[in-house]
Amino acid sequence: MTQVQHMHANRNKIKISLGDRIFNVINVLLFIVITLVILFPFFNIFAISLTSNVEYMREPYILWPKEPTLEAYQYIFSTSLIPRSYVLTIFITLSATLLSTLITSMLAYGLCRGDLRGQKFFMIYLLITMFFSGGLIPNYMNITRTLGWSNNLLALIVPNSVSVFNFIIVRSFFRQLPPSLEESARIDGANEWTILFRIIYPLSIPTLATIAMFVAVGTWNSWFSAMLYMRDEKLFPLQLIVRNFVVHEARPADMQNMEGLRDAAGNRIFLNETGLKMACAVATVLPMVVVYPFIQKYFEKGMTIGAVKG
């Protein structure tokens, strides 16, 4: 046997002590309990969304409905409001994510250069904005009066284009890239745009995917900006509609009339009001849950790649 094989054999012979085994069992059980505690509220919301009005009125605290129904989902998607707000929210999220990722990465690339004049000033200027802001009222006046973006989707896309936290992550990664990459590209006649888009960006996919995920989740879940700047209900993103419905029970205009709902036999359907709210909540969370597994590998790598100084 070789020396490496001997080392592996010795490692396999190492016995785990009773204390370590007990610790591992307790650790696993503890994390199982924590996982169940975290997942139960989501499971309960989903279960209520599938519960009929009759069953919910009879027994509001149930683990799973005896006769699951999709009436709530059929109703919210039968109106024009929810599908329209879905499309609108997807557009806002994609636009804000692309814009923020592009601007943040370009800013990080420019400020990671050692030969840029005023680099220290711009870094201090950006860092100050992490701790201090102009406040809600000046920000509102700037967007509605100065820019004139009241009831305009630009108010939901442009103002948060630069995140200093994301900028620091991207800049830390760019500073770790070997300078020889840029030097060899310049020898071949590449300009700054070619270097950034054809060399730096392909190497930065994990980091860019990470900050894109941050921006996308934040934009998708945002309702406060829309509440401030949007007046037309047709321009309300999905989260604001659901928030008004769940918190204030202000049902949107397209969801007011429930009198004409009938089943296949012609009997009137009495929808579960709480189930409607839970169905709206599930509908808003589902897209992020579906998208996240596809970028999880980039997310995990991007979170650590800029944290090690090399």
C-alpha atoms as a PDB file:
ATOM      1  CA  MET A   1       0.000   0.000   0.000  1.00  0.00           C
ATOM      2  CA  THR A   2       1.151   3.502  -0.721  1.00  0.00           C
ATOM      3  CA  GLN A   3       1.537   6.156   1.937  1.00  0.00           C
ATOM      4  CA  VAL A   4      -1.678   7.896   0.861  1.00  0.00           C
ATOM      5  CA  GLN A   5      -3.611   4.636   1.143  1.00  0.00           C
ATOM      6  CA  HIS A   6      -2.176   4.079   4.621  1.00  0.00           C
ATOM      7  CA  MET A   7      -3.319   7.561   5.666  1.00  0.00           C
ATOM      8  CA  HIS A   8      -6.858   6.892   4.427  1.00  0.00           C
ATOM      9  CA  ALA A   9      -6.912   3.531   6.184  1.00  0.00           C
ATOM     10  CA  ASN A  10      -5.804   5.124   9.453  1.00  0.00           C
ATOM     11  CA  ARG A  11      -8.481   7.782   9.155  1.00  0.00           C
ATOM     12  CA  ASN A  12     -11.146   5.114   8.659  1.00  0.00           C
ATOM     13  CA  LYS A  13      -9.957   3.350  11.813  1.00  0.00           C
ATOM     14  CA  ILE A  14     -10.428   6.472  13.942  1.00  0.00           C
ATOM     15  CA  LYS A  15     -13.405   5.848  16.196  1.00  0.00           C
ATOM     16  CA  ILE A  16     -15.888   8.560  16.995  1.00  0.00           C
ATOM     17  CA  SER A  17     -16.308   8.947  20.725  1.00  0.00           C
ATOM     18  CA  LEU A  18     -19.682   8.560  22.415  1.00  0.00           C
ATOM     19  CA  GLY A  19     -19.733  12.268  23.246  1.00  0.00           C
ATOM     20  CA  ASP A  20     -19.185  13.198  19.606  1.00  0.00           C
ATOM     21  CA  ARG A  21     -21.975  10.867  18.500  1.00  0.00           C
ATOM     22  CA  ILE A  22     -24.389  12.374  21.002  1.00  0.00           C
ATOM     23  CA  PHE A  23     -23.381  15.862  19.902  1.00  0.00           C
ATOM     24  CA  ASN A  24     -23.977  14.971  16.222  1.00  0.00           C
ATOM     25  CA  VAL A  25     -27.394  13.492  16.979  1.00  0.00           C
ATOM     26  CA  ILE A  26     -28.443  16.531  19.010  1.00  0.00           C
ATOM     27  CA  ASN A  27     -27.113  18.816  16.269  1.00  0.00           C
ATOM     28  CA  VAL A  28     -29.126  17.036  13.569  1.00  0.00           C
ATOM     29  CA  LEU A  29     -32.298  17.001  15.676  1.00  0.00           C
ATOM     30  CA  LEU A  30     -31.875  20.675  16.503  1.00  0.00           C
ATOM     31  CA  PHE A  31     -31.558  21.657  12.844  1.00  0.00           C
ATOM     32  CA  ILE A  32     -34.555  19.488  11.947  1.00  0.00           C
ATOM     33  CA  VAL A  33     -36.643  21.317  14.544  1.00  0.00           C
ATOM     34  CA  ILE A  34     -35.422  24.721  13.330  1.00  0.00           C
ATOM     35  CA  THR A  35     -36.232  23.743   9.727  1.00  0.00           C
ATOM     36  CA  LEU A  36     -39.753  22.650  10.686  1.00  0.00           C
ATOM     37  CA  VAL A  37     -40.332  25.848  12.653  1.00  0.00           C
ATOM     38  CA  ILE A  38     -39.255  27.921   9.629  1.00  0.00           C
ATOM     39  CA  LEU A  39     -41.265  25.922   7.088  1.00  0.00           C
ATOM     40  CA  PHE A  40     -44.485  25.511   9.073  1.00  0.00           C
ATOM     41  CA  PRO A  41     -45.817  29.079   8.525  1.00  0.00           C
ATOM     42  CA  PHE A  42     -45.344  28.704   4.771  1.00  0.00           C
ATOM     43  CA  PHE A  43     -46.997  25.294   4.815  1.00  0.00           C
ATOM     44  CA  ASN A  44     -49.897  26.688   6.846  1.00  0.00           C
ATOM     45  CA  ILE A  45     -50.410  29.557   4.408  1.00  0.00           C
ATOM     46  CA  PHE A  46     -50.476  27.107   1.504  1.00  0.00           C
ATOM     47  CA  ALA A  47     -52.907  24.799   3.328  1.00  0.00           C
ATOM     48  CA  ILE A  48     -55.335  27.639   4.114  1.00  0.00           C
ATOM     49  CA  SER A  49     -55.230  28.762   0.484  1.00  0.00           C
ATOM     50  CA  LEU A  50     -56.544  25.298  -0.467  1.00  0.00           C
ATOM     51  CA  THR A  51     -59.298  25.258   2.157  1.00  0.00           C
ATOM     52  CA  SER A  52     -62.928  25.819   1.224  1.00  0.00           C
ATOM     53  CA  ASN A  53     -65.029  28.391   3.051  1.00  0.00           C
ATOM     54  CA  VAL A  54     -67.254  25.731   4.667  1.00  0.00           C
ATOM     55  CA  GLU A  55     -64.313  23.751   6.052  1.00  0.00           C
ATOM     56  CA  TYR A  56     -62.475  26.865   7.227  1.00  0.00           C
ATOM     57  CA  MET A  57     -65.538  28.211   9.058  1.00  0.00           C
ATOM     58  CA  ARG A  58     -66.000  24.829  10.747  1.00  0.00           C
ATOM     59  CA  GLU A  59     -62.356  24.363  11.718  1.00  0.00           C
ATOM     60  CA  PRO A  60     -60.009  27.324  11.058  1.00  0.00           C
ATOM     61  CA  TYR A  61     -56.986  25.640  12.643  1.00  0.00           C
ATOM     62  CA  ILE A  62     -56.212  22.684  10.409  1.00  0.00           C
ATOM     63  CA  LEU A  63     -52.974  21.052   9.335  1.00  0.00           C
ATOM     64  CA  TRP A  64     -54.273  20.073   5.889  1.00  0.00           C
ATOM     65  CA  PRO A  65     -57.757  20.443   4.352  1.00  0.00           C
ATOM     66  CA  LYS A  66     -59.833  17.276   4.031  1.00  0.00           C
ATOM     67  CA  GLU A  67     -61.068  18.368   0.615  1.00  0.00           C
ATOM     68  CA  PRO A  68     -58.449  20.664  -1.002  1.00  0.00           C
ATOM     69  CA  THR A  69     -59.811  23.117  -3.523  1.00  0.00           C
ATOM     70  CA  LEU A  70     -58.265  25.531  -6.017  1.00  0.00           C
ATOM     71  CA  GLU A  71     -61.210  27.940  -5.906  1.00  0.00           C
ATOM     72  CA  ALA A  72     -59.126  30.772  -4.454  1.00  0.00           C
ATOM     73  CA  TYR A  73     -56.436  30.445  -7.135  1.00  0.00           C
ATOM     74  CA  GLN A  74     -59.007  30.128  -9.905  1.00  0.00           C
ATOM     75  CA  TYR A  75     -60.686  33.294  -8.704  1.00  0.00           C
ATOM     76  CA  ILE A  76     -57.627  35.545  -8.278  1.00  0.00           C
ATOM     77  CA  PHE A  77     -56.306  34.553 -11.709  1.00  0.00           C
ATOM     78  CA  SER A  78     -59.724  34.896 -13.348  1.00  0.00           C
ATOM     79  CA  THR A  79     -59.576  38.649 -12.736  1.00  0.00           C
ATOM     80  CA  SER A  80     -57.512  40.896 -14.963  1.00  0.00           C
ATOM     81  CA  LEU A  81     -55.772  42.609 -12.055  1.00  0.00           C
ATOM     82  CA  ILE A  82     -53.512  39.828 -10.760  1.00  0.00           C
ATOM     83  CA  PRO A  83     -52.176  38.670 -14.167  1.00  0.00           C
ATOM     84  CA  ARG A  84     -51.602  42.307 -15.188  1.00  0.00           C
ATOM     85  CA  SER A  85     -49.770  43.094 -11.951  1.00  0.00           C
ATOM     86  CA  TYR A  86     -47.719  39.915 -12.407  1.00  0.00           C
ATOM     87  CA  VAL A  87     -46.511  41.070 -15.823  1.00  0.00           C
ATOM     88  CA  LEU A  88     -45.878  44.571 -14.485  1.00  0.00           C
ATOM     89  CA  THR A  89     -43.893  43.306 -11.496  1.00  0.00           C
ATOM     90  CA  ILE A  90     -41.802  40.998 -13.684  1.00  0.00           C
ATOM     91  CA  PHE A  91     -41.009  43.929 -15.980  1.00  0.00           C
ATOM     92  CA  ILE A  92     -40.047  46.180 -13.058  1.00  0.00           C
ATOM     93  CA  THR A  93     -37.917  43.458 -11.453  1.00  0.00           C
ATOM     94  CA  LEU A  94     -36.057  42.577 -14.650  1.00  0.00           C
ATOM     95  CA  SER A  95     -35.469  46.218 -15.574  1.00  0.00           C
ATOM     96  CA  ALA A  96     -34.264  47.209 -12.108  1.00  0.00           C
ATOM     97  CA  THR A  97     -32.032  44.126 -11.835  1.00  0.00           C
ATOM     98  CA  LEU A  98     -30.365  44.618 -15.214  1.00  0.00           C
ATOM     99  CA  LEU A  99     -29.882  48.346 -14.663  1.00  0.00           C
ATOM    100  CA  SER A 100     -28.538  47.972 -11.130  1.00  0.00           C
ATOM    101  CA  THR A 101     -26.186  45.109 -12.040  1.00  0.00           C
ATOM    102  CA  LEU A 102     -24.815  47.001 -15.026  1.00  0.00           C
ATOM    103  CA  ILE A 103     -24.298  50.340 -13.257  1.00  0.00           C
ATOM    104  CA  THR A 104     -22.927  48.780 -10.051  1.00  0.00           C
ATOM    105  CA  SER A 105     -20.437  46.586 -11.925  1.00  0.00           C
ATOM    106  CA  MET A 106     -19.270  49.453 -14.151  1.00  0.00           C
ATOM    107  CA  LEU A 107     -18.817  51.671 -11.095  1.00  0.00           C
ATOM    108  CA  ALA A 108     -16.878  48.931  -9.314  1.00  0.00           C
ATOM    109  CA  TYR A 109     -14.631  48.379 -12.341  1.00  0.00           C
ATOM    110  CA  GLY A 110     -13.845  52.084 -12.579  1.00  0.00           C
ATOM    111  CA  LEU A 111     -13.072  52.490  -8.874  1.00  0.00           C
ATOM    112  CA  CYS A 112     -10.911  49.392  -8.596  1.00  0.00           C
ATOM    113  CA  ARG A 113      -8.373  51.029 -10.908  1.00  0.00           C
ATOM    114  CA  GLY A 114      -5.383  52.422  -9.076  1.00  0.00           C
ATOM    115  CA  ASP A 115      -4.711  55.160 -11.635  1.00  0.00           C
ATOM    116  CA  LEU A 116      -8.119  56.887 -11.324  1.00  0.00           C
ATOM    117  CA  ARG A 117      -7.900  60.450 -10.059  1.00  0.00           C
ATOM    118  CA  GLY A 118     -10.147  61.231  -7.118  1.00  0.00           C
ATOM    119  CA  GLN A 119     -10.668  57.566  -6.341  1.00  0.00           C
ATOM    120  CA  LYS A 120     -10.451  58.130  -2.582  1.00  0.00           C
ATOM    121  CA  PHE A 121     -13.006  60.958  -2.733  1.00  0.00           C
ATOM    122  CA  PHE A 122     -15.530  58.841  -4.633  1.00  0.00           C
ATOM    123  CA  MET A 123     -15.044  55.913  -2.251  1.00  0.00           C
ATOM    124  CA  ILE A 124     -15.688  58.106   0.789  1.00  0.00           C
ATOM    125  CA  TYR A 125     -18.680  59.686  -0.956  1.00  0.00           C
ATOM    126  CA  LEU A 126     -20.222  56.274  -1.632  1.00  0.00           C
ATOM    127  CA  LEU A 127     -19.531  54.931   1.849  1.00  0.00           C
ATOM    128  CA  ILE A 128     -21.215  57.954   3.455  1.00  0.00           C
ATOM    129  CA  THR A 129     -24.445  57.099   1.639  1.00  0.00           C
ATOM    130  CA  MET A 130     -24.476  53.719   3.415  1.00  0.00           C
ATOM    131  CA  PHE A 131     -24.941  55.443   6.766  1.00  0.00           C
ATOM    132  CA  PHE A 132     -26.767  58.674   5.916  1.00  0.00           C
ATOM    133  CA  SER A 133     -29.580  59.521   3.522  1.00  0.00           C
ATOM    134  CA  GLY A 134     -31.549  62.612   2.655  1.00  0.00           C
ATOM    135  CA  GLY A 135     -34.667  61.239   4.315  1.00  0.00           C
ATOM    136  CA  LEU A 136     -38.070  60.190   3.076  1.00  0.00           C
ATOM    137  CA  ILE A 137     -39.563  63.636   2.407  1.00  0.00           C
ATOM    138  CA  PRO A 138     -36.604  65.056   0.405  1.00  0.00           C
ATOM    139  CA  ASN A 139     -36.473  61.821  -1.560  1.00  0.00           C
ATOM    140  CA  TYR A 140     -40.197  62.028  -2.289  1.00  0.00           C
ATOM    141  CA  MET A 141     -39.930  65.679  -3.340  1.00  0.00           C
ATOM    142  CA  ASN A 142     -36.949  64.923  -5.564  1.00  0.00           C
ATOM    143  CA  ILE A 143     -38.718  62.114  -7.421  1.00  0.00           C
ATOM    144  CA  THR A 144     -42.173  63.642  -7.723  1.00  0.00           C
ATOM    145  CA  ARG A 145     -41.359  67.347  -8.123  1.00  0.00           C
ATOM    146  CA  THR A 146     -37.818  67.588  -9.515  1.00  0.00           C
ATOM    147  CA  LEU A 147     -37.927  64.543 -11.773  1.00  0.00           C
ATOM    148  CA  GLY A 148     -41.693  64.507 -12.269  1.00  0.00           C
ATOM    149  CA  TRP A 149     -41.953  60.741 -11.914  1.00  0.00           C
ATOM    150  CA  SER A 150     -45.207  60.636  -9.986  1.00  0.00           C
ATOM    151  CA  ASN A 151     -47.298  57.728 -11.279  1.00  0.00           C
ATOM    152  CA  ASN A 152     -44.337  56.706 -13.443  1.00  0.00           C
ATOM    153  CA  LEU A 153     -42.638  53.292 -13.416  1.00  0.00           C
ATOM    154  CA  LEU A 154     -39.240  54.977 -13.581  1.00  0.00           C
ATOM    155  CA  ALA A 155     -39.725  55.885  -9.918  1.00  0.00           C
ATOM    156  CA  LEU A 156     -39.657  52.160  -9.098  1.00  0.00           C
ATOM    157  CA  ILE A 157     -36.678  51.296 -11.312  1.00  0.00           C
ATOM    158  CA  VAL A 158     -34.096  54.095 -11.357  1.00  0.00           C
ATOM    159  CA  PRO A 159     -33.697  55.407  -7.747  1.00  0.00           C
ATOM    160  CA  ASN A 160     -32.178  52.182  -6.382  1.00  0.00           C
ATOM    161  CA  SER A 161     -29.858  51.525  -9.299  1.00  0.00           C
ATOM    162  CA  VAL A 162     -26.700  51.661  -7.164  1.00  0.00           C
ATOM    163  CA  SER A 163     -26.291  49.667  -3.968  1.00  0.00           C
ATOM    164  CA  VAL A 164     -23.073  50.482  -2.116  1.00  0.00           C
ATOM    165  CA  PHE A 165     -23.120  47.075  -0.440  1.00  0.00           C
ATOM    166  CA  ASN A 166     -23.286  45.329  -3.822  1.00  0.00           C
ATOM    167  CA  PHE A 167     -20.648  47.726  -5.136  1.00  0.00           C
ATOM    168  CA  ILE A 168     -18.227  46.681  -2.380  1.00  0.00           C
ATOM    169  CA  ILE A 169     -18.770  42.987  -3.164  1.00  0.00           C
ATOM    170  CA  VAL A 170     -18.118  43.453  -6.883  1.00  0.00           C
ATOM    171  CA  ARG A 171     -15.156  45.771  -6.343  1.00  0.00           C
ATOM    172  CA  SER A 172     -13.542  43.271  -3.947  1.00  0.00           C
ATOM    173  CA  PHE A 173     -13.840  40.576  -6.597  1.00  0.00           C
ATOM    174  CA  PHE A 174     -12.492  42.769  -9.403  1.00  0.00           C
ATOM    175  CA  ARG A 175      -9.441  43.661  -7.309  1.00  0.00           C
ATOM    176  CA  GLN A 176      -8.582  39.949  -7.011  1.00  0.00           C
ATOM    177  CA  LEU A 177      -8.400  39.413 -10.757  1.00  0.00           C
ATOM    178  CA  PRO A 178      -4.817  39.183 -12.083  1.00  0.00           C
ATOM    179  CA  PRO A 179      -3.665  42.483 -13.671  1.00  0.00           C
ATOM    180  CA  SER A 180      -2.033  40.431 -16.404  1.00  0.00           C
ATOM    181  CA  LEU A 181      -5.470  39.795 -17.920  1.00  0.00           C
ATOM    182  CA  GLU A 182      -5.969  43.481 -18.672  1.00  0.00           C
ATOM    183  CA  GLU A 183      -2.349  43.981 -19.701  1.00  0.00           C
ATOM    184  CA  SER A 184      -2.438  41.168 -22.256  1.00  0.00           C
ATOM    185  CA  ALA A 185      -5.785  42.433 -23.594  1.00  0.00           C
ATOM    186  CA  ARG A 186      -4.398  45.941 -24.050  1.00  0.00           C
ATOM    187  CA  ILE A 187      -1.379  44.538 -25.887  1.00  0.00           C
ATOM    188  CA  ASP A 188      -3.846  42.924 -28.286  1.00  0.00           C
ATOM    189  CA  GLY A 189      -5.520  46.311 -28.808  1.00  0.00           C
ATOM    190  CA  ALA A 190      -8.586  45.924 -26.577  1.00  0.00           C
ATOM    191  CA  ASN A 191     -10.129  49.060 -25.091  1.00  0.00           C
ATOM    192  CA  GLU A 192     -11.795  49.420 -21.681  1.00  0.00           C
ATOM    193  CA  TRP A 193     -15.241  48.379 -22.946  1.00  0.00           C
ATOM    194  CA  THR A 194     -13.870  45.225 -24.567  1.00  0.00           C
ATOM    195  CA  ILE A 195     -11.938  44.317 -21.427  1.00  0.00           C
ATOM    196  CA  LEU A 196     -14.985  44.828 -19.219  1.00  0.00           C
ATOM    197  CA  PHE A 197     -17.597  43.040 -21.328  1.00  0.00           C
ATOM    198  CA  ARG A 198     -15.487  40.270 -22.897  1.00  0.00           C
ATOM    199  CA  ILE A 199     -12.959  39.485 -20.158  1.00  0.00           C
ATOM    200  CA  ILE A 200     -14.088  40.785 -16.759  1.00  0.00           C
ATOM    201  CA  TYR A 201     -17.796  39.979 -16.998  1.00  0.00           C
ATOM    202  CA  PRO A 202     -17.422  36.333 -18.068  1.00  0.00           C
ATOM    203  CA  LEU A 203     -15.101  35.775 -15.088  1.00  0.00           C
ATOM    204  CA  SER A 204     -17.530  37.537 -12.721  1.00  0.00           C
ATOM    205  CA  ILE A 205     -20.700  35.530 -13.353  1.00  0.00           C
ATOM    206  CA  PRO A 206     -20.972  34.163  -9.756  1.00  0.00           C
ATOM    207  CA  THR A 207     -20.548  37.625  -8.224  1.00  0.00           C
ATOM    208  CA  LEU A 208     -22.877  39.335 -10.704  1.00  0.00           C
ATOM    209  CA  ALA A 209     -25.488  36.606 -10.186  1.00  0.00           C
ATOM    210  CA  THR A 210     -25.281  37.173  -6.443  1.00  0.00           C
ATOM    211  CA  ILE A 211     -25.921  40.903  -6.564  1.00  0.00           C
ATOM    212  CA  ALA A 212     -28.566  40.373  -9.248  1.00  0.00           C
ATOM    213  CA  MET A 213     -30.355  38.035  -6.832  1.00  0.00           C
ATOM    214  CA  PHE A 214     -30.160  40.644  -4.076  1.00  0.00           C
ATOM    215  CA  VAL A 215     -31.655  43.315  -6.321  1.00  0.00           C
ATOM    216  CA  ALA A 216     -34.299  41.032  -7.820  1.00  0.00           C
ATOM    217  CA  VAL A 217     -35.601  39.819  -4.456  1.00  0.00           C
ATOM    218  CA  GLY A 218     -35.611  43.337  -3.022  1.00  0.00           C
ATOM    219  CA  THR A 219     -37.439  44.757  -6.043  1.00  0.00           C
ATOM    220  CA  TRP A 220     -39.943  41.902  -6.234  1.00  0.00           C
ATOM    221  CA  ASN A 221     -40.846  42.269  -2.546  1.00  0.00           C
ATOM    222  CA  SER A 222     -40.978  46.066  -2.581  1.00  0.00           C
ATOM    223  CA  TRP A 223     -44.346  47.774  -2.092  1.00  0.00           C
ATOM    224  CA  PHE A 224     -43.488  50.963  -0.196  1.00  0.00           C
ATOM    225  CA  SER A 225     -42.120  52.909  -3.175  1.00  0.00           C
ATOM    226  CA  ALA A 226     -45.172  52.017  -5.238  1.00  0.00           C
ATOM    227  CA  MET A 227     -47.434  53.190  -2.416  1.00  0.00           C
ATOM    228  CA  LEU A 228     -45.642  56.557  -2.438  1.00  0.00           C
ATOM    229  CA  TYR A 229     -45.404  57.231  -6.161  1.00  0.00           C
ATOM    230  CA  MET A 230     -48.204  55.259  -7.863  1.00  0.00           C
ATOM    231  CA  ARG A 231     -51.768  56.580  -7.973  1.00  0.00           C
ATOM    232  CA  ASP A 232     -53.291  54.457 -10.703  1.00  0.00           C
ATOM    233  CA  GLU A 233     -54.240  50.964  -9.499  1.00  0.00           C
ATOM    234  CA  LYS A 234     -53.343  49.615 -12.936  1.00  0.00           C
ATOM    235  CA  LEU A 235     -49.706  50.521 -12.194  1.00  0.00           C
ATOM    236  CA  PHE A 236     -49.644  48.839  -8.783  1.00  0.00           C
ATOM    237  CA  PRO A 237     -47.094  46.016  -8.546  1.00  0.00           C
ATOM    238  CA  LEU A 238     -48.192  42.692  -7.173  1.00  0.00           C
ATOM    239  CA  GLN A 239     -46.853  43.223  -3.669  1.00  0.00           C
ATOM    240  CA  LEU A 240     -48.757  46.471  -3.128  1.00  0.00           C
ATOM    241  CA  ILE A 241     -52.025  44.899  -4.237  1.00  0.00           C
ATOM    242  CA  VAL A 242     -51.525  41.940  -1.912  1.00  0.00           C
ATOM    243  CA  ARG A 243     -50.391  44.187   0.925  1.00  0.00           C
ATOM    244  CA  ASN A 244     -53.501  46.376   0.707  1.00  0.00           C
ATOM    245  CA  PHE A 245     -55.700  43.304   0.488  1.00  0.00           C
ATOM    246  CA  VAL A 246     -54.097  41.431   3.398  1.00  0.00           C
ATOM    247  CA  VAL A 247     -53.404  44.328   5.781  1.00  0.00           C
ATOM    248  CA  HIS A 248     -56.291  46.700   5.135  1.00  0.00           C
ATOM    249  CA  GLU A 249     -58.690  44.240   3.477  1.00  0.00           C
ATOM    250  CA  ALA A 250     -58.945  46.735   0.624  1.00  0.00           C
ATOM    251  CA  ARG A 251     -59.956  44.379  -2.142  1.00  0.00           C
ATOM    252  CA  PRO A 252     -58.968  45.685  -5.596  1.00  0.00           C
ATOM    253  CA  ALA A 253     -61.717  46.886  -7.881  1.00  0.00           C
ATOM    254  CA  ASP A 254     -61.427  43.839 -10.180  1.00  0.00           C
ATOM    255  CA  MET A 255     -61.929  41.536  -7.187  1.00  0.00           C
ATOM    256  CA  GLN A 256     -65.000  43.206  -5.727  1.00  0.00           C
ATOM    257  CA  ASN A 257     -67.769  41.257  -7.408  1.00  0.00           C
ATOM    258  CA  MET A 258     -68.021  37.714  -6.034  1.00  0.00           C
ATOM    259  CA  GLU A 259     -71.782  37.330  -6.287  1.00  0.00           C
ATOM    260  CA  GLY A 260     -71.825  35.594  -9.663  1.00  0.00           C
ATOM    261  CA  LEU A 261     -69.426  32.780  -8.841  1.00  0.00           C
ATOM    262  CA  ARG A 262     -70.948  29.367  -9.557  1.00  0.00           C
ATOM    263  CA  ASP A 263     -69.645  25.802  -9.604  1.00  0.00           C
ATOM    264  CA  ALA A 264     -70.182  23.259 -12.387  1.00  0.00           C
ATOM    265  CA  ALA A 265     -73.612  22.341 -10.982  1.00  0.00           C
ATOM    266  CA  GLY A 266     -74.708  25.970 -10.939  1.00  0.00           C
ATOM    267  CA  ASN A 267     -74.538  26.364  -7.162  1.00  0.00           C
ATOM    268  CA  ARG A 268     -73.182  29.605  -5.764  1.00  0.00           C
ATOM    269  CA  ILE A 269     -69.601  29.480  -4.457  1.00  0.00           C
ATOM    270  CA  PHE A 270     -68.804  31.210  -1.177  1.00  0.00           C
ATOM    271  CA  LEU A 271     -65.071  31.799  -1.234  1.00  0.00           C
ATOM    272  CA  ASN A 272     -62.889  31.666   1.825  1.00  0.00           C
ATOM    273  CA  GLU A 273     -61.803  35.284   2.375  1.00  0.00           C
ATOM    274  CA  THR A 274     -58.729  34.243   4.346  1.00  0.00           C
ATOM    275  CA  GLY A 275     -57.963  31.634   1.700  1.00  0.00           C
ATOM    276  CA  LEU A 276     -57.995  34.386  -0.938  1.00  0.00           C
ATOM    277  CA  LYS A 277     -55.411  36.339   1.022  1.00  0.00           C
ATOM    278  CA  MET A 278     -53.241  33.258   1.494  1.00  0.00           C
ATOM    279  CA  ALA A 279     -53.530  32.392  -2.207  1.00  0.00           C
ATOM    280  CA  CYS A 280     -52.336  35.898  -3.077  1.00  0.00           C
ATOM    281  CA  ALA A 281     -49.408  35.482  -0.682  1.00  0.00           C
ATOM    282  CA  VAL A 282     -48.450  32.135  -2.241  1.00  0.00           C
ATOM    283  CA  ALA A 283     -48.720  33.614  -5.735  1.00  0.00           C
ATOM    284  CA  THR A 284     -46.301  36.415  -4.817  1.00  0.00           C
ATOM    285  CA  VAL A 285     -43.703  34.143  -3.196  1.00  0.00           C
ATOM    286  CA  LEU A 286     -43.760  31.325  -5.750  1.00  0.00           C
ATOM    287  CA  PRO A 287     -41.690  32.982  -8.544  1.00  0.00           C
ATOM    288  CA  MET A 288     -38.722  33.650  -6.261  1.00  0.00           C
ATOM    289  CA  VAL A 289     -38.925  30.105  -4.868  1.00  0.00           C
ATOM    290  CA  VAL A 290     -38.857  28.708  -8.418  1.00  0.00           C
ATOM    291  CA  VAL A 291     -35.986  30.916  -9.620  1.00  0.00           C
ATOM    292  CA  TYR A 292     -33.668  30.581  -6.619  1.00  0.00           C
ATOM    293  CA  PRO A 293     -32.587  26.903  -7.144  1.00  0.00           C
ATOM    294  CA  PHE A 294     -31.300  27.740 -10.637  1.00  0.00           C
ATOM    295  CA  ILE A 295     -28.893  30.398  -9.363  1.00  0.00           C
ATOM    296  CA  GLN A 296     -28.104  28.894  -5.964  1.00  0.00           C
ATOM    297  CA  LYS A 297     -24.711  27.581  -7.105  1.00  0.00           C
ATOM    298  CA  TYR A 298     -23.719  31.074  -8.279  1.00  0.00           C
ATOM    299  CA  PHE A 299     -25.139  32.606  -5.115  1.00  0.00           C
ATOM    300  CA  GLU A 300     -23.090  30.405  -2.768  1.00  0.00           C
ATOM    301  CA  LYS A 301     -19.879  30.956  -4.732  1.00  0.00           C
ATOM    302  CA  GLY A 302     -20.450  34.684  -5.158  1.00  0.00           C
ATOM    303  CA  MET A 303     -20.983  35.273  -1.450  1.00  0.00           C
ATOM    304  CA  THR A 304     -17.529  33.890  -0.587  1.00  0.00           C
ATOM    305  CA  ILE A 305     -15.471  34.740  -3.641  1.00  0.00           C
ATOM    306  CA  GLY A 306     -15.000  38.385  -2.720  1.00  0.00           C
ATOM    307  CA  ALA A 307     -14.488  37.778   0.975  1.00  0.00           C
ATOM    308  CA  VAL A 308     -10.995  36.264   0.708  1.00  0.00           C
ATOM    309  CA  LYS A 309      -8.142  38.626   0.060  1.00  0.00           C
ATOM    310  CA  GLY A 310      -5.796  36.933  -2.344  1.00  0.00           C
END
